[in-house]
């Protein structure tokens, strides 16, 4: 392996150490309801985001709070020597995608049937330090 290639690989490895992510798949909430809560914490510092989620009255905020704590634990396991308070972490990316849909039929008048779509979503949170983000 060339010297330049090795330096590039080392730099990428260091950058990967600065970010951590967590995923929540097949959460039984509609993506629209989850995005309302996700938009509140996008780009915020981690401490402030946790406070926003803790005091929000929406059901989706409980699930996002647990997911953010999981992402913090993942960051902590990558960086055992660093402390979370000194790292100045932010929620650099939070993405809510649609998941599988359960389709049900509800009886309607005059022998008809209406389709009920029970939606789910996938959430991905990326936590990184403020000086390392590209945005």
N, C-alpha and C. Protein backbone atom coordinates (compact mmCIF):
# COMPACT_ATOMS: atom_id res chain seq x y z
N UNK A 1 0.85 -1.18 0.00
CA UNK A 1 0.00 0.00 0.00
C UNK A 1 0.89 1.24 0.00
N UNK A 2 0.53 2.21 -0.82
CA UNK A 2 1.32 3.43 -0.92
C UNK A 2 1.17 4.30 0.32
N UNK A 3 2.12 5.22 0.48
CA UNK A 3 2.12 6.10 1.65
C UNK A 3 0.90 7.02 1.64
N UNK A 4 0.58 7.55 0.48
CA UNK A 4 -0.56 8.47 0.37
C UNK A 4 -1.89 7.75 0.66
N UNK A 5 -1.99 6.55 0.15
CA UNK A 5 -3.19 5.77 0.38
C UNK A 5 -3.36 5.45 1.87
N UNK A 6 -2.26 5.14 2.52
CA UNK A 6 -2.29 4.83 3.96
C UNK A 6 -2.68 6.06 4.77
N UNK A 7 -2.15 7.23 4.39
CA UNK A 7 -2.52 8.46 5.09
C UNK A 7 -4.00 8.76 4.93
N UNK A 8 -4.53 8.54 3.73
CA UNK A 8 -5.95 8.77 3.47
C UNK A 8 -6.80 7.82 4.29
N UNK A 9 -6.38 6.56 4.37
CA UNK A 9 -7.13 5.57 5.15
C UNK A 9 -7.13 5.93 6.63
N UNK A 10 -6.00 6.41 7.13
CA UNK A 10 -5.91 6.82 8.54
C UNK A 10 -6.82 8.02 8.82
N UNK A 11 -6.85 8.96 7.87
CA UNK A 11 -7.70 10.14 8.06
C UNK A 11 -9.19 9.78 8.06
N UNK A 12 -9.57 8.87 7.16
CA UNK A 12 -10.96 8.43 7.11
C UNK A 12 -11.33 7.69 8.39
N UNK A 13 -10.40 6.90 8.91
CA UNK A 13 -10.65 6.17 10.15
C UNK A 13 -10.86 7.14 11.32
N UNK A 14 -10.07 8.21 11.36
CA UNK A 14 -10.22 9.22 12.42
C UNK A 14 -11.55 9.95 12.30
N UNK A 15 -11.97 10.25 11.05
CA UNK A 15 -13.25 10.93 10.86
C UNK A 15 -14.41 10.04 11.27
N UNK A 16 -14.30 8.74 10.98
CA UNK A 16 -15.36 7.80 11.38
C UNK A 16 -15.45 7.69 12.89
N UNK A 17 -14.33 7.89 13.57
CA UNK A 17 -14.33 7.81 15.03
C UNK A 17 -15.10 8.98 15.65
N UNK A 18 -15.19 10.09 14.91
CA UNK A 18 -15.84 11.28 15.44
C UNK A 18 -17.36 11.21 15.35
N UNK A 19 -17.91 10.33 14.52
CA UNK A 19 -19.36 10.24 14.37
C UNK A 19 -19.84 8.86 14.81
N UNK A 20 -21.08 8.82 15.28
CA UNK A 20 -21.72 7.56 15.64
C UNK A 20 -23.18 7.66 15.23
N UNK A 21 -23.78 6.51 14.96
CA UNK A 21 -25.17 6.54 14.54
C UNK A 21 -25.95 5.43 15.23
N UNK A 22 -27.26 5.56 15.19
CA UNK A 22 -28.17 4.54 15.70
C UNK A 22 -29.37 4.49 14.78
N UNK A 23 -29.93 3.30 14.62
CA UNK A 23 -31.08 3.12 13.73
C UNK A 23 -32.23 2.49 14.49
N UNK A 24 -33.42 2.90 14.13
CA UNK A 24 -34.65 2.32 14.66
C UNK A 24 -35.47 1.89 13.47
N UNK A 25 -35.68 0.59 13.33
CA UNK A 25 -36.40 0.07 12.17
C UNK A 25 -37.80 -0.39 12.56
N UNK A 26 -38.73 -0.23 11.64
CA UNK A 26 -40.11 -0.69 11.79
C UNK A 26 -40.78 -0.15 13.05
N UNK A 27 -40.63 1.13 13.29
CA UNK A 27 -41.31 1.78 14.40
C UNK A 27 -42.77 2.01 14.00
N UNK A 28 -43.73 1.54 14.79
CA UNK A 28 -45.14 1.59 14.37
C UNK A 28 -45.79 2.96 14.55
N UNK A 29 -45.17 3.97 13.97
CA UNK A 29 -45.70 5.33 13.96
C UNK A 29 -45.62 5.83 12.53
N UNK A 30 -46.54 6.67 12.13
CA UNK A 30 -46.47 7.15 10.75
C UNK A 30 -45.25 8.07 10.60
N UNK A 31 -44.61 8.05 9.44
CA UNK A 31 -43.42 8.87 9.24
C UNK A 31 -43.71 10.36 9.41
N UNK A 32 -44.90 10.79 9.08
CA UNK A 32 -45.24 12.22 9.21
C UNK A 32 -45.21 12.67 10.66
N UNK A 33 -45.76 11.84 11.55
CA UNK A 33 -45.76 12.18 12.97
C UNK A 33 -44.34 12.16 13.54
N UNK A 34 -43.52 11.22 13.07
CA UNK A 34 -42.15 11.13 13.56
C UNK A 34 -41.31 12.30 13.05
N UNK A 35 -41.56 12.74 11.81
CA UNK A 35 -40.79 13.87 11.26
C UNK A 35 -41.06 15.16 12.01
N UNK A 36 -42.28 15.33 12.52
CA UNK A 36 -42.59 16.53 13.29
C UNK A 36 -41.66 16.66 14.49
N UNK A 37 -41.39 15.55 15.15
CA UNK A 37 -40.52 15.56 16.33
C UNK A 37 -39.05 15.62 15.89
N UNK A 38 -38.71 14.92 14.81
CA UNK A 38 -37.32 14.89 14.34
C UNK A 38 -36.86 16.28 13.91
N UNK A 39 -37.77 17.08 13.35
CA UNK A 39 -37.40 18.43 12.92
C UNK A 39 -37.06 19.33 14.10
N UNK A 40 -37.59 19.01 15.28
CA UNK A 40 -37.31 19.83 16.46
C UNK A 40 -35.85 19.72 16.90
N UNK A 41 -35.24 18.54 16.71
CA UNK A 41 -33.90 18.32 17.26
C UNK A 41 -32.80 18.31 16.20
N UNK A 42 -33.15 18.41 14.94
CA UNK A 42 -32.13 18.38 13.88
C UNK A 42 -31.19 19.57 14.02
N UNK A 43 -29.89 19.29 14.11
CA UNK A 43 -28.88 20.34 14.19
C UNK A 43 -28.65 20.89 15.59
N UNK A 44 -29.37 20.41 16.59
CA UNK A 44 -29.23 20.91 17.96
C UNK A 44 -28.07 20.21 18.66
N UNK A 45 -27.57 20.83 19.73
CA UNK A 45 -26.61 20.16 20.58
C UNK A 45 -27.31 18.99 21.27
N UNK A 46 -26.54 17.97 21.61
CA UNK A 46 -27.12 16.74 22.14
C UNK A 46 -27.85 16.99 23.46
N UNK A 47 -27.26 17.80 24.35
CA UNK A 47 -27.88 18.06 25.65
C UNK A 47 -29.24 18.76 25.46
N UNK A 48 -29.26 19.74 24.56
CA UNK A 48 -30.50 20.48 24.31
C UNK A 48 -31.53 19.58 23.64
N UNK A 49 -31.08 18.72 22.71
CA UNK A 49 -31.99 17.81 22.03
C UNK A 49 -32.63 16.84 23.01
N UNK A 50 -31.86 16.35 23.97
CA UNK A 50 -32.42 15.45 24.98
C UNK A 50 -33.47 16.15 25.83
N UNK A 51 -33.23 17.42 26.17
CA UNK A 51 -34.22 18.17 26.94
C UNK A 51 -35.49 18.41 26.13
N UNK A 52 -35.34 18.74 24.86
CA UNK A 52 -36.51 18.95 24.00
C UNK A 52 -37.35 17.68 23.93
N UNK A 53 -36.68 16.55 23.73
CA UNK A 53 -37.40 15.28 23.60
C UNK A 53 -38.04 14.86 24.93
N UNK A 54 -37.35 15.12 26.03
CA UNK A 54 -37.88 14.71 27.33
C UNK A 54 -39.17 15.46 27.66
N UNK A 55 -39.26 16.73 27.31
CA UNK A 55 -40.41 17.54 27.71
C UNK A 55 -41.44 17.72 26.60
N UNK A 56 -41.25 17.03 25.49
CA UNK A 56 -42.26 17.05 24.44
C UNK A 56 -43.38 16.08 24.80
N UNK A 57 -44.61 16.45 24.45
CA UNK A 57 -45.75 15.62 24.83
C UNK A 57 -46.08 14.55 23.79
N UNK A 58 -45.38 14.54 22.67
CA UNK A 58 -45.69 13.59 21.61
C UNK A 58 -45.13 12.20 21.93
N UNK A 59 -45.85 11.19 21.47
CA UNK A 59 -45.43 9.80 21.71
C UNK A 59 -44.12 9.49 20.99
N UNK A 60 -43.91 10.08 19.81
CA UNK A 60 -42.70 9.81 19.03
C UNK A 60 -41.45 10.33 19.73
N UNK A 61 -41.60 11.32 20.60
CA UNK A 61 -40.43 11.88 21.27
C UNK A 61 -39.81 10.88 22.25
N UNK A 62 -40.60 9.99 22.83
CA UNK A 62 -40.05 8.97 23.74
C UNK A 62 -39.13 8.02 22.97
N UNK A 63 -39.57 7.62 21.78
CA UNK A 63 -38.78 6.69 20.99
C UNK A 63 -37.51 7.36 20.47
N UNK A 64 -37.62 8.62 20.06
CA UNK A 64 -36.43 9.33 19.58
C UNK A 64 -35.44 9.59 20.71
N UNK A 65 -35.95 9.80 21.93
CA UNK A 65 -35.06 10.02 23.07
C UNK A 65 -34.22 8.77 23.33
N UNK A 66 -34.86 7.60 23.30
CA UNK A 66 -34.12 6.36 23.50
C UNK A 66 -33.11 6.14 22.38
N UNK A 67 -33.49 6.51 21.15
CA UNK A 67 -32.59 6.34 20.02
C UNK A 67 -31.38 7.26 20.12
N UNK A 68 -31.60 8.48 20.57
CA UNK A 68 -30.50 9.43 20.75
C UNK A 68 -29.55 8.96 21.85
N UNK A 69 -30.11 8.42 22.93
CA UNK A 69 -29.25 7.87 23.99
C UNK A 69 -28.44 6.69 23.48
N UNK A 70 -29.03 5.89 22.60
CA UNK A 70 -28.30 4.77 22.00
C UNK A 70 -27.16 5.27 21.12
N UNK A 71 -27.40 6.33 20.35
CA UNK A 71 -26.34 6.90 19.50
C UNK A 71 -25.22 7.46 20.36
N UNK A 72 -25.57 8.07 21.50
CA UNK A 72 -24.55 8.57 22.42
C UNK A 72 -23.72 7.43 22.99
N UNK A 73 -24.37 6.33 23.35
CA UNK A 73 -23.64 5.17 23.86
C UNK A 73 -22.71 4.60 22.80
N UNK A 74 -23.16 4.60 21.55
CA UNK A 74 -22.31 4.13 20.45
C UNK A 74 -21.10 5.04 20.28
N UNK A 75 -21.30 6.35 20.40
CA UNK A 75 -20.18 7.29 20.31
C UNK A 75 -19.21 7.07 21.46
N UNK A 76 -19.76 6.83 22.65
CA UNK A 76 -18.92 6.62 23.83
C UNK A 76 -18.09 5.34 23.69
N UNK A 77 -18.67 4.30 23.10
CA UNK A 77 -17.91 3.05 22.93
C UNK A 77 -16.78 3.20 21.90
N UNK A 78 -16.97 4.10 20.92
CA UNK A 78 -15.90 4.36 19.95
C UNK A 78 -14.79 5.20 20.56
N UNK A 79 -15.15 6.09 21.47
CA UNK A 79 -14.19 7.04 22.06
C UNK A 79 -14.18 6.86 23.57
N UNK A 80 -13.51 5.82 24.06
CA UNK A 80 -13.51 5.57 25.50
C UNK A 80 -12.77 6.66 26.28
N UNK A 81 -11.74 7.23 25.67
CA UNK A 81 -10.92 8.21 26.39
C UNK A 81 -11.57 9.59 26.47
N UNK A 82 -12.50 9.91 25.57
CA UNK A 82 -13.11 11.25 25.53
C UNK A 82 -14.39 11.27 26.35
N UNK A 83 -14.75 12.46 26.84
CA UNK A 83 -16.02 12.61 27.56
C UNK A 83 -17.03 13.30 26.66
N UNK A 84 -18.29 13.00 26.88
CA UNK A 84 -19.36 13.53 26.03
C UNK A 84 -19.49 15.04 26.21
N UNK A 85 -19.30 15.52 27.44
CA UNK A 85 -19.46 16.95 27.72
C UNK A 85 -18.40 17.79 26.98
N UNK A 86 -17.16 17.28 26.91
CA UNK A 86 -16.09 18.04 26.26
C UNK A 86 -16.13 17.95 24.74
N UNK A 87 -16.83 16.95 24.20
CA UNK A 87 -16.79 16.70 22.76
C UNK A 87 -17.65 17.68 21.97
N UNK A 88 -18.60 18.38 22.60
CA UNK A 88 -19.47 19.34 21.92
C UNK A 88 -20.23 18.66 20.78
N UNK A 89 -20.96 17.58 21.12
CA UNK A 89 -21.66 16.79 20.11
C UNK A 89 -22.97 17.45 19.69
N UNK A 90 -23.31 17.27 18.42
CA UNK A 90 -24.59 17.76 17.89
C UNK A 90 -25.27 16.62 17.14
N UNK A 91 -26.57 16.77 16.93
CA UNK A 91 -27.33 15.84 16.09
C UNK A 91 -27.10 16.31 14.66
N UNK A 92 -26.10 15.73 14.00
CA UNK A 92 -25.72 16.24 12.68
C UNK A 92 -26.69 15.80 11.60
N UNK A 93 -27.33 14.64 11.78
CA UNK A 93 -28.27 14.18 10.76
C UNK A 93 -29.33 13.31 11.44
N UNK A 94 -30.57 13.53 11.06
CA UNK A 94 -31.65 12.65 11.52
C UNK A 94 -32.58 12.45 10.33
N UNK A 95 -32.79 11.18 9.97
CA UNK A 95 -33.54 10.86 8.77
C UNK A 95 -34.69 9.94 9.12
N UNK A 96 -35.88 10.25 8.63
CA UNK A 96 -37.07 9.44 8.86
C UNK A 96 -37.57 8.96 7.50
N UNK A 97 -37.52 7.65 7.30
CA UNK A 97 -37.96 7.05 6.04
C UNK A 97 -39.18 6.19 6.30
N UNK A 98 -39.99 6.01 5.29
CA UNK A 98 -41.17 5.16 5.42
C UNK A 98 -40.78 3.70 5.49
N UNK A 99 -41.50 2.95 6.31
CA UNK A 99 -41.23 1.53 6.45
C UNK A 99 -42.33 0.70 5.82
N UNK A 100 -42.46 -0.52 6.30
CA UNK A 100 -43.49 -1.42 5.77
C UNK A 100 -44.87 -0.91 6.18
N UNK A 101 -45.85 -1.23 5.37
CA UNK A 101 -47.21 -0.78 5.63
C UNK A 101 -48.12 -1.99 5.79
N UNK A 102 -48.85 -2.04 6.89
CA UNK A 102 -49.84 -3.10 7.08
C UNK A 102 -51.14 -2.62 6.46
N UNK A 103 -51.70 -3.42 5.57
CA UNK A 103 -52.94 -3.01 4.90
C UNK A 103 -54.09 -3.83 5.46
N UNK A 104 -55.11 -3.13 5.92
CA UNK A 104 -56.28 -3.76 6.52
C UNK A 104 -57.53 -3.25 5.81
N UNK A 105 -58.63 -4.00 5.93
CA UNK A 105 -59.90 -3.58 5.35
C UNK A 105 -60.88 -3.27 6.46
N UNK A 106 -61.58 -2.15 6.35
CA UNK A 106 -62.61 -1.77 7.31
C UNK A 106 -63.95 -1.77 6.57
N UNK A 107 -64.95 -2.41 7.15
CA UNK A 107 -66.26 -2.42 6.49
C UNK A 107 -66.83 -1.02 6.35
N UNK A 108 -67.46 -0.77 5.22
CA UNK A 108 -68.07 0.53 4.93
C UNK A 108 -69.53 0.29 4.54
N UNK A 109 -70.33 1.34 4.49
CA UNK A 109 -71.75 1.16 4.15
C UNK A 109 -71.97 0.58 2.76
N UNK A 110 -73.10 -0.05 2.58
CA UNK A 110 -73.57 -0.60 1.31
C UNK A 110 -72.62 -1.66 0.74
N UNK A 111 -72.05 -2.47 1.64
CA UNK A 111 -71.24 -3.59 1.19
C UNK A 111 -69.85 -3.23 0.70
N UNK A 112 -69.45 -2.01 0.86
CA UNK A 112 -68.13 -1.60 0.41
C UNK A 112 -67.11 -1.85 1.52
N UNK A 113 -65.84 -1.61 1.18
CA UNK A 113 -64.77 -1.74 2.17
C UNK A 113 -63.76 -0.62 1.92
N UNK A 114 -63.28 -0.03 3.00
CA UNK A 114 -62.24 1.00 2.91
C UNK A 114 -60.93 0.38 3.36
N UNK A 115 -59.85 0.78 2.70
CA UNK A 115 -58.53 0.26 3.05
C UNK A 115 -57.92 1.13 4.15
N UNK A 116 -57.43 0.50 5.19
CA UNK A 116 -56.72 1.18 6.27
C UNK A 116 -55.23 0.87 6.09
N UNK A 117 -54.40 1.90 6.06
CA UNK A 117 -52.95 1.71 5.92
C UNK A 117 -52.29 2.05 7.25
N UNK A 118 -51.76 1.04 7.92
CA UNK A 118 -51.05 1.24 9.18
C UNK A 118 -49.58 1.40 8.84
N UNK A 119 -49.09 2.63 8.95
CA UNK A 119 -47.75 2.94 8.48
C UNK A 119 -46.71 2.71 9.57
N UNK A 120 -45.48 2.50 9.14
CA UNK A 120 -44.35 2.41 10.06
C UNK A 120 -43.19 3.20 9.45
N UNK A 121 -42.12 3.37 10.21
CA UNK A 121 -41.01 4.15 9.70
C UNK A 121 -39.68 3.61 10.18
N UNK A 122 -38.62 4.09 9.53
CA UNK A 122 -37.24 3.81 9.91
C UNK A 122 -36.59 5.14 10.24
N UNK A 123 -35.91 5.21 11.38
CA UNK A 123 -35.25 6.45 11.81
C UNK A 123 -33.76 6.19 11.93
N UNK A 124 -32.94 7.11 11.43
CA UNK A 124 -31.49 7.04 11.56
C UNK A 124 -31.01 8.35 12.17
N UNK A 125 -30.26 8.26 13.27
CA UNK A 125 -29.69 9.44 13.91
C UNK A 125 -28.17 9.35 13.80
N UNK A 126 -27.54 10.44 13.36
CA UNK A 126 -26.08 10.53 13.29
C UNK A 126 -25.64 11.63 14.24
N UNK A 127 -24.76 11.28 15.17
CA UNK A 127 -24.24 12.23 16.16
C UNK A 127 -22.78 12.47 15.85
N UNK A 128 -22.39 13.74 15.78
CA UNK A 128 -20.98 14.06 15.50
C UNK A 128 -20.56 15.31 16.21
N UNK A 129 -19.26 15.53 16.24
CA UNK A 129 -18.76 16.74 16.89
C UNK A 129 -18.95 17.92 15.97
N UNK A 130 -19.09 19.10 16.55
CA UNK A 130 -19.46 20.28 15.80
C UNK A 130 -18.38 20.70 14.80
N UNK A 131 -17.11 20.55 15.16
CA UNK A 131 -16.03 20.99 14.28
C UNK A 131 -15.78 20.04 13.12
N UNK A 132 -16.41 18.85 13.13
CA UNK A 132 -16.13 17.84 12.11
C UNK A 132 -17.25 17.71 11.08
N UNK A 133 -18.38 18.37 11.28
CA UNK A 133 -19.50 18.19 10.36
C UNK A 133 -19.27 18.97 9.08
N UNK A 134 -19.85 18.48 7.99
CA UNK A 134 -19.65 19.12 6.70
C UNK A 134 -20.68 20.21 6.44
N UNK A 135 -21.84 20.17 7.13
CA UNK A 135 -22.92 21.11 6.82
C UNK A 135 -22.75 22.46 7.46
